[in-house]
Amino acid sequence: MSAPSVTHDSTMRQSGTRRLLIGAAVVIVGVLLVANAHLVYVAFSSQPDCVTHLKGGGEPGTFRAAKSAC
């Protein structure tokens, strides 16, 4: 009679461990989704204003926009 009870306890422990691992995986995936959503939000909400830059030919060693959006 003690054999079925040992099997039942073992099954209960495996079930509890499985639930804990699934819960942890759900939390981790949720955190990653929220973090990525935040990065996308910040990328779209913080568009910089146009800055002055050289348009046309410049001296060697100076920087200018490859294609101006302004």
PDB file of N, CA and C in Angstrom:
ATOM      1  N   MET A   1       0.796  -1.193   0.000  1.00  0.00           N
ATOM      2  CA  MET A   1       0.000   0.000   0.000  1.00  0.00           C
ATOM      3  C   MET A   1       0.846   1.267   0.000  1.00  0.00           C
ATOM      4  N   SER A   2       2.054   1.177   0.474  1.00  0.00           N
ATOM      5  CA  SER A   2       2.877   2.372   0.505  1.00  0.00           C
ATOM      6  C   SER A   2       3.422   2.728  -0.877  1.00  0.00           C
ATOM      7  N   ALA A   3       3.496   1.799  -1.775  1.00  0.00           N
ATOM      8  CA  ALA A   3       4.034   2.065  -3.106  1.00  0.00           C
ATOM      9  C   ALA A   3       3.203   3.074  -3.890  1.00  0.00           C
ATOM     10  N   PRO A   4       1.861   2.963  -3.922  1.00  0.00           N
ATOM     11  CA  PRO A   4       1.083   3.969  -4.649  1.00  0.00           C
ATOM     12  C   PRO A   4       1.230   5.360  -4.048  1.00  0.00           C
ATOM     13  N   SER A   5       1.379   5.460  -2.725  1.00  0.00           N
ATOM     14  CA  SER A   5       1.501   6.780  -2.110  1.00  0.00           C
ATOM     15  C   SER A   5       2.831   7.432  -2.483  1.00  0.00           C
ATOM     16  N   VAL A   6       3.896   6.644  -2.592  1.00  0.00           N
ATOM     17  CA  VAL A   6       5.196   7.183  -3.001  1.00  0.00           C
ATOM     18  C   VAL A   6       5.113   7.677  -4.437  1.00  0.00           C
ATOM     19  N   THR A   7       4.471   6.929  -5.304  1.00  0.00           N
ATOM     20  CA  THR A   7       4.306   7.334  -6.691  1.00  0.00           C
ATOM     21  C   THR A   7       3.475   8.615  -6.779  1.00  0.00           C
ATOM     22  N   HIS A   8       2.442   8.702  -5.950  1.00  0.00           N
ATOM     23  CA  HIS A   8       1.595   9.898  -5.947  1.00  0.00           C
ATOM     24  C   HIS A   8       2.390  11.127  -5.509  1.00  0.00           C
ATOM     25  N   ASP A   9       3.214  10.984  -4.457  1.00  0.00           N
ATOM     26  CA  ASP A   9       4.033  12.104  -3.987  1.00  0.00           C
ATOM     27  C   ASP A   9       5.029  12.532  -5.058  1.00  0.00           C
ATOM     28  N   SER A  10       5.630  11.571  -5.728  1.00  0.00           N
ATOM     29  CA  SER A  10       6.586  11.873  -6.783  1.00  0.00           C
ATOM     30  C   SER A  10       5.907  12.609  -7.928  1.00  0.00           C
ATOM     31  N   THR A  11       4.708  12.163  -8.298  1.00  0.00           N
ATOM     32  CA  THR A  11       3.954  12.825  -9.361  1.00  0.00           C
ATOM     33  C   THR A  11       3.582  14.245  -8.960  1.00  0.00           C
ATOM     34  N   MET A  12       3.201  14.439  -7.715  1.00  0.00           N
ATOM     35  CA  MET A  12       2.836  15.778  -7.231  1.00  0.00           C
ATOM     36  C   MET A  12       4.042  16.714  -7.263  1.00  0.00           C
ATOM     37  N   ARG A  13       5.225  16.206  -6.889  1.00  0.00           N
ATOM     38  CA  ARG A  13       6.421  17.042  -6.921  1.00  0.00           C
ATOM     39  C   ARG A  13       6.782  17.420  -8.348  1.00  0.00           C
ATOM     40  N   GLN A  14       6.677  16.471  -9.266  1.00  0.00           N
ATOM     41  CA  GLN A  14       6.976  16.761 -10.671  1.00  0.00           C
ATOM     42  C   GLN A  14       5.985  17.777 -11.225  1.00  0.00           C
ATOM     43  N   SER A  15       4.730  17.647 -10.831  1.00  0.00           N
ATOM     44  CA  SER A  15       3.706  18.576 -11.301  1.00  0.00           C
ATOM     45  C   SER A  15       3.974  19.982 -10.770  1.00  0.00           C
ATOM     46  N   GLY A  16       4.351  20.085  -9.505  1.00  0.00           N
ATOM     47  CA  GLY A  16       4.658  21.393  -8.918  1.00  0.00           C
ATOM     48  C   GLY A  16       5.873  22.029  -9.555  1.00  0.00           C
ATOM     49  N   THR A  17       6.898  21.217  -9.806  1.00  0.00           N
ATOM     50  CA  THR A  17       8.111  21.729 -10.450  1.00  0.00           C
ATOM     51  C   THR A  17       7.810  22.179 -11.868  1.00  0.00           C
ATOM     52  N   ARG A  18       7.013  21.399 -12.570  1.00  0.00           N
ATOM     53  CA  ARG A  18       6.653  21.754 -13.946  1.00  0.00           C
ATOM     54  C   ARG A  18       5.880  23.069 -13.968  1.00  0.00           C
ATOM     55  N   ARG A  19       4.940  23.235 -13.050  1.00  0.00           N
ATOM     56  CA  ARG A  19       4.174  24.495 -12.982  1.00  0.00           C
ATOM     57  C   ARG A  19       5.085  25.670 -12.680  1.00  0.00           C
ATOM     58  N   LEU A  20       6.028  25.470 -11.770  1.00  0.00           N
ATOM     59  CA  LEU A  20       6.973  26.539 -11.432  1.00  0.00           C
ATOM     60  C   LEU A  20       7.820  26.931 -12.637  1.00  0.00           C
ATOM     61  N   LEU A  21       8.312  25.945 -13.368  1.00  0.00           N
ATOM     62  CA  LEU A  21       9.141  26.236 -14.544  1.00  0.00           C
ATOM     63  C   LEU A  21       8.334  26.910 -15.646  1.00  0.00           C
ATOM     64  N   ILE A  22       7.104  26.459 -15.860  1.00  0.00           N
ATOM     65  CA  ILE A  22       6.255  27.093 -16.873  1.00  0.00           C
ATOM     66  C   ILE A  22       5.927  28.524 -16.467  1.00  0.00           C
ATOM     67  N   GLY A  23       5.647  28.732 -15.194  1.00  0.00           N
ATOM     68  CA  GLY A  23       5.372  30.088 -14.705  1.00  0.00           C
ATOM     69  C   GLY A  23       6.574  31.004 -14.878  1.00  0.00           C
ATOM     70  N   ALA A  24       7.761  30.489 -14.554  1.00  0.00           N
ATOM     71  CA  ALA A  24       8.985  31.287 -14.719  1.00  0.00           C
ATOM     72  C   ALA A  24       9.218  31.622 -16.184  1.00  0.00           C
ATOM     73  N   ALA A  25       8.975  30.665 -17.081  1.00  0.00           N
ATOM     74  CA  ALA A  25       9.151  30.916 -18.518  1.00  0.00           C
ATOM     75  C   ALA A  25       8.167  31.973 -19.005  1.00  0.00           C
ATOM     76  N   VAL A  26       6.928  31.918 -18.527  1.00  0.00           N
ATOM     77  CA  VAL A  26       5.925  32.914 -18.927  1.00  0.00           C
ATOM     78  C   VAL A  26       6.331  34.299 -18.445  1.00  0.00           C
ATOM     79  N   VAL A  27       6.833  34.394 -17.228  1.00  0.00           N
ATOM     80  CA  VAL A  27       7.272  35.688 -16.697  1.00  0.00           C
ATOM     81  C   VAL A  27       8.451  36.226 -17.502  1.00  0.00           C
ATOM     82  N   ILE A  28       9.413  35.389 -17.819  1.00  0.00           N
ATOM     83  CA  ILE A  28      10.591  35.826 -18.585  1.00  0.00           C
ATOM     84  C   ILE A  28      10.185  36.307 -19.973  1.00  0.00           C
ATOM     85  N   VAL A  29       9.326  35.555 -20.650  1.00  0.00           N
ATOM     86  CA  VAL A  29       8.865  35.967 -21.979  1.00  0.00           C
ATOM     87  C   VAL A  29       8.083  37.272 -21.881  1.00  0.00           C
ATOM     88  N   GLY A  30       7.278  37.421 -20.856  1.00  0.00           N
ATOM     89  CA  GLY A  30       6.527  38.660 -20.660  1.00  0.00           C
ATOM     90  C   GLY A  30       7.440  39.858 -20.465  1.00  0.00           C
ATOM     91  N   VAL A  31       8.485  39.694 -19.660  1.00  0.00           N
ATOM     92  CA  VAL A  31       9.440  40.784 -19.435  1.00  0.00           C
ATOM     93  C   VAL A  31      10.137  41.157 -20.738  1.00  0.00           C
ATOM     94  N   LEU A  32      10.530  40.171 -21.524  1.00  0.00           N
ATOM     95  CA  LEU A  32      11.189  40.450 -22.803  1.00  0.00           C
ATOM     96  C   LEU A  32      10.248  41.183 -23.762  1.00  0.00           C
ATOM     97  N   LEU A  33       8.988  40.791 -23.817  1.00  0.00           N
ATOM     98  CA  LEU A  33       8.024  41.469 -24.691  1.00  0.00           C
ATOM     99  C   LEU A  33       7.810  42.922 -24.267  1.00  0.00           C
ATOM    100  N   VAL A  34       7.682  43.144 -22.970  1.00  0.00           N
ATOM    101  CA  VAL A  34       7.487  44.511 -22.474  1.00  0.00           C
ATOM    102  C   VAL A  34       8.723  45.360 -22.750  1.00  0.00           C
ATOM    103  N   ALA A  35       9.905  44.806 -22.554  1.00  0.00           N
ATOM    104  CA  ALA A  35      11.139  45.562 -22.802  1.00  0.00           C
ATOM    105  C   ALA A  35      11.269  45.928 -24.281  1.00  0.00           C
ATOM    106  N   ASN A  36      10.954  44.998 -25.167  1.00  0.00           N
ATOM    107  CA  ASN A  36      11.037  45.292 -26.595  1.00  0.00           C
ATOM    108  C   ASN A  36       9.987  46.310 -27.010  1.00  0.00           C
ATOM    109  N   ALA A  37       8.789  46.210 -26.454  1.00  0.00           N
ATOM    110  CA  ALA A  37       7.752  47.196 -26.755  1.00  0.00           C
ATOM    111  C   ALA A  37       8.192  48.585 -26.297  1.00  0.00           C
ATOM    112  N   HIS A  38       8.837  48.654 -25.150  1.00  0.00           N
ATOM    113  CA  HIS A  38       9.328  49.943 -24.653  1.00  0.00           C
ATOM    114  C   HIS A  38      10.395  50.501 -25.593  1.00  0.00           C
ATOM    115  N   LEU A  39      11.302  49.665 -26.073  1.00  0.00           N
ATOM    116  CA  LEU A  39      12.338  50.134 -26.998  1.00  0.00           C
ATOM    117  C   LEU A  39      11.734  50.665 -28.296  1.00  0.00           C
ATOM    118  N   VAL A  40      10.729  49.992 -28.814  1.00  0.00           N
ATOM    119  CA  VAL A  40      10.062  50.456 -30.037  1.00  0.00           C
ATOM    120  C   VAL A  40       9.365  51.781 -29.775  1.00  0.00           C
ATOM    121  N   TYR A  41       8.688  51.910 -28.641  1.00  0.00           N
ATOM    122  CA  TYR A  41       8.006  53.161 -28.283  1.00  0.00           C
ATOM    123  C   TYR A  41       9.004  54.319 -28.200  1.00  0.00           C
ATOM    124  N   VAL A  42      10.106  54.096 -27.512  1.00  0.00           N
ATOM    125  CA  VAL A  42      11.113  55.159 -27.361  1.00  0.00           C
ATOM    126  C   VAL A  42      11.717  55.520 -28.709  1.00  0.00           C
ATOM    127  N   ALA A  43      11.944  54.531 -29.565  1.00  0.00           N
ATOM    128  CA  ALA A  43      12.531  54.806 -30.879  1.00  0.00           C
ATOM    129  C   ALA A  43      11.617  55.693 -31.722  1.00  0.00           C
ATOM    130  N   PHE A  44      10.315  55.483 -31.653  1.00  0.00           N
ATOM    131  CA  PHE A  44       9.394  56.282 -32.455  1.00  0.00           C
ATOM    132  C   PHE A  44       9.030  57.609 -31.803  1.00  0.00           C
ATOM    133  N   SER A  45       9.074  57.690 -30.489  1.00  0.00           N
ATOM    134  CA  SER A  45       8.664  58.927 -29.826  1.00  0.00           C
ATOM    135  C   SER A  45       9.805  59.920 -29.661  1.00  0.00           C
ATOM    136  N   SER A  46      11.033  59.534 -29.912  1.00  0.00           N
ATOM    137  CA  SER A  46      12.158  60.442 -29.700  1.00  0.00           C
ATOM    138  C   SER A  46      12.877  60.756 -31.012  1.00  0.00           C
ATOM    139  N   GLN A  47      12.126  61.099 -32.036  1.00  0.00           N
ATOM    140  CA  GLN A  47      12.737  61.471 -33.308  1.00  0.00           C
ATOM    141  C   GLN A  47      13.430  62.819 -33.145  1.00  0.00           C
ATOM    142  N   PRO A  48      14.700  62.920 -33.472  1.00  0.00           N
ATOM    143  CA  PRO A  48      15.413  64.184 -33.300  1.00  0.00           C
ATOM    144  C   PRO A  48      14.980  65.209 -34.356  1.00  0.00           C
ATOM    145  N   ASP A  49      15.138  66.477 -33.997  1.00  0.00           N
ATOM    146  CA  ASP A  49      14.861  67.551 -34.944  1.00  0.00           C
ATOM    147  C   ASP A  49      15.960  67.581 -36.005  1.00  0.00           C
ATOM    148  N   CYS A  50      15.679  68.294 -37.079  1.00  0.00           N
ATOM    149  CA  CYS A  50      16.691  68.455 -38.120  1.00  0.00           C
ATOM    150  C   CYS A  50      17.837  69.299 -37.576  1.00  0.00           C
ATOM    151  N   VAL A  51      19.032  68.954 -37.950  1.00  0.00           N
ATOM    152  CA  VAL A  51      20.204  69.707 -37.528  1.00  0.00           C
ATOM    153  C   VAL A  51      20.878  70.286 -38.770  1.00  0.00           C
ATOM    154  N   THR A  52      21.615  71.338 -38.561  1.00  0.00           N
ATOM    155  CA  THR A  52      22.305  71.948 -39.695  1.00  0.00           C
ATOM    156  C   THR A  52      23.468  71.058 -40.107  1.00  0.00           C
ATOM    157  N   HIS A  53      23.664  70.938 -41.384  1.00  0.00           N
ATOM    158  CA  HIS A  53      24.753  70.150 -41.917  1.00  0.00           C
ATOM    159  C   HIS A  53      25.126  70.714 -43.282  1.00  0.00           C
ATOM    160  N   LEU A  54      26.271  70.278 -43.753  1.00  0.00           N
ATOM    161  CA  LEU A  54      26.724  70.742 -45.058  1.00  0.00           C
ATOM    162  C   LEU A  54      25.862  70.122 -46.149  1.00  0.00           C
ATOM    163  N   LYS A  55      25.465  70.941 -47.093  1.00  0.00           N
ATOM    164  CA  LYS A  55      24.710  70.440 -48.237  1.00  0.00           C
ATOM    165  C   LYS A  55      25.560  70.695 -49.470  1.00  0.00           C
ATOM    166  N   GLY A  56      25.862  69.660 -50.188  1.00  0.00           N
ATOM    167  CA  GLY A  56      26.716  69.808 -51.356  1.00  0.00           C
ATOM    168  C   GLY A  56      28.142  69.404 -51.032  1.00  0.00           C
ATOM    169  N   GLY A  57      29.049  69.764 -51.919  1.00  0.00           N
ATOM    170  CA  GLY A  57      30.448  69.380 -51.747  1.00  0.00           C
ATOM    171  C   GLY A  57      31.075  70.100 -50.566  1.00  0.00           C
ATOM    172  N   GLY A  58      31.898  69.416 -49.840  1.00  0.00           N
ATOM    173  CA  GLY A  58      32.577  70.006 -48.692  1.00  0.00           C
ATOM    174  C   GLY A  58      34.050  69.707 -48.745  1.00  0.00           C
ATOM    175  N   GLU A  59      34.744  70.197 -47.758  1.00  0.00           N
ATOM    176  CA  GLU A  59      36.183  69.952 -47.685  1.00  0.00           C
ATOM    177  C   GLU A  59      36.432  68.524 -47.205  1.00  0.00           C
ATOM    178  N   PRO A  60      37.557  67.958 -47.575  1.00  0.00           N
ATOM    179  CA  PRO A  60      37.880  66.610 -47.093  1.00  0.00           C
ATOM    180  C   PRO A  60      37.939  66.586 -45.566  1.00  0.00           C
ATOM    181  N   GLY A  61      37.370  65.572 -44.974  1.00  0.00           N
ATOM    182  CA  GLY A  61      37.380  65.438 -43.518  1.00  0.00           C
ATOM    183  C   GLY A  61      36.165  66.034 -42.842  1.00  0.00           C
ATOM    184  N   THR A  62      35.262  66.665 -43.597  1.00  0.00           N
ATOM    185  CA  THR A  62      34.040  67.203 -42.990  1.00  0.00           C
ATOM    186  C   THR A  62      32.909  66.209 -43.214  1.00  0.00           C
ATOM    187  N   PHE A  63      31.950  66.240 -42.302  1.00  0.00           N
ATOM    188  CA  PHE A  63      30.834  65.309 -42.372  1.00  0.00           C
ATOM    189  C   PHE A  63      29.587  66.007 -42.884  1.00  0.00           C
ATOM    190  N   ARG A  64      28.767  65.274 -43.604  1.00  0.00           N
ATOM    191  CA  ARG A  64      27.486  65.793 -44.053  1.00  0.00           C
ATOM    192  C   ARG A  64      26.532  64.614 -44.225  1.00  0.00           C
ATOM    193  N   ALA A  65      25.263  64.912 -44.257  1.00  0.00           N
ATOM    194  CA  ALA A  65      24.262  63.858 -44.381  1.00  0.00           C
ATOM    195  C   ALA A  65      24.332  63.236 -45.762  1.00  0.00           C
ATOM    196  N   ALA A  66      24.185  61.924 -45.819  1.00  0.00           N
ATOM    197  CA  ALA A  66      24.177  61.253 -47.106  1.00  0.00           C
ATOM    198  C   ALA A  66      22.907  61.605 -47.868  1.00  0.00           C
ATOM    199  N   LYS A  67      21.780  61.686 -47.142  1.00  0.00           N
ATOM    200  CA  LYS A  67      20.515  62.054 -47.756  1.00  0.00           C
ATOM    201  C   LYS A  67      19.729  62.830 -46.712  1.00  0.00           C
ATOM    202  N   SER A  68      19.474  64.091 -46.957  1.00  0.00           N
ATOM    203  CA  SER A  68      18.803  64.948 -46.002  1.00  0.00           C
ATOM    204  C   SER A  68      17.314  64.639 -45.947  1.00  0.00           C
ATOM    205  N   ALA A  69      16.771  64.551 -44.732  1.00  0.00           N
ATOM    206  CA  ALA A  69      15.341  64.330 -44.549  1.00  0.00           C
ATOM    207  C   ALA A  69      14.596  65.649 -44.329  1.00  0.00           C
ATOM    208  N   CYS A  70      15.310  66.738 -44.263  1.00  0.00           N
ATOM    209  CA  CYS A  70      14.678  68.046 -43.988  1.00  0.00           C
ATOM    210  C   CYS A  70      14.345  68.777 -45.279  1.00  0.00           C
TER     211      CYS A  70
END
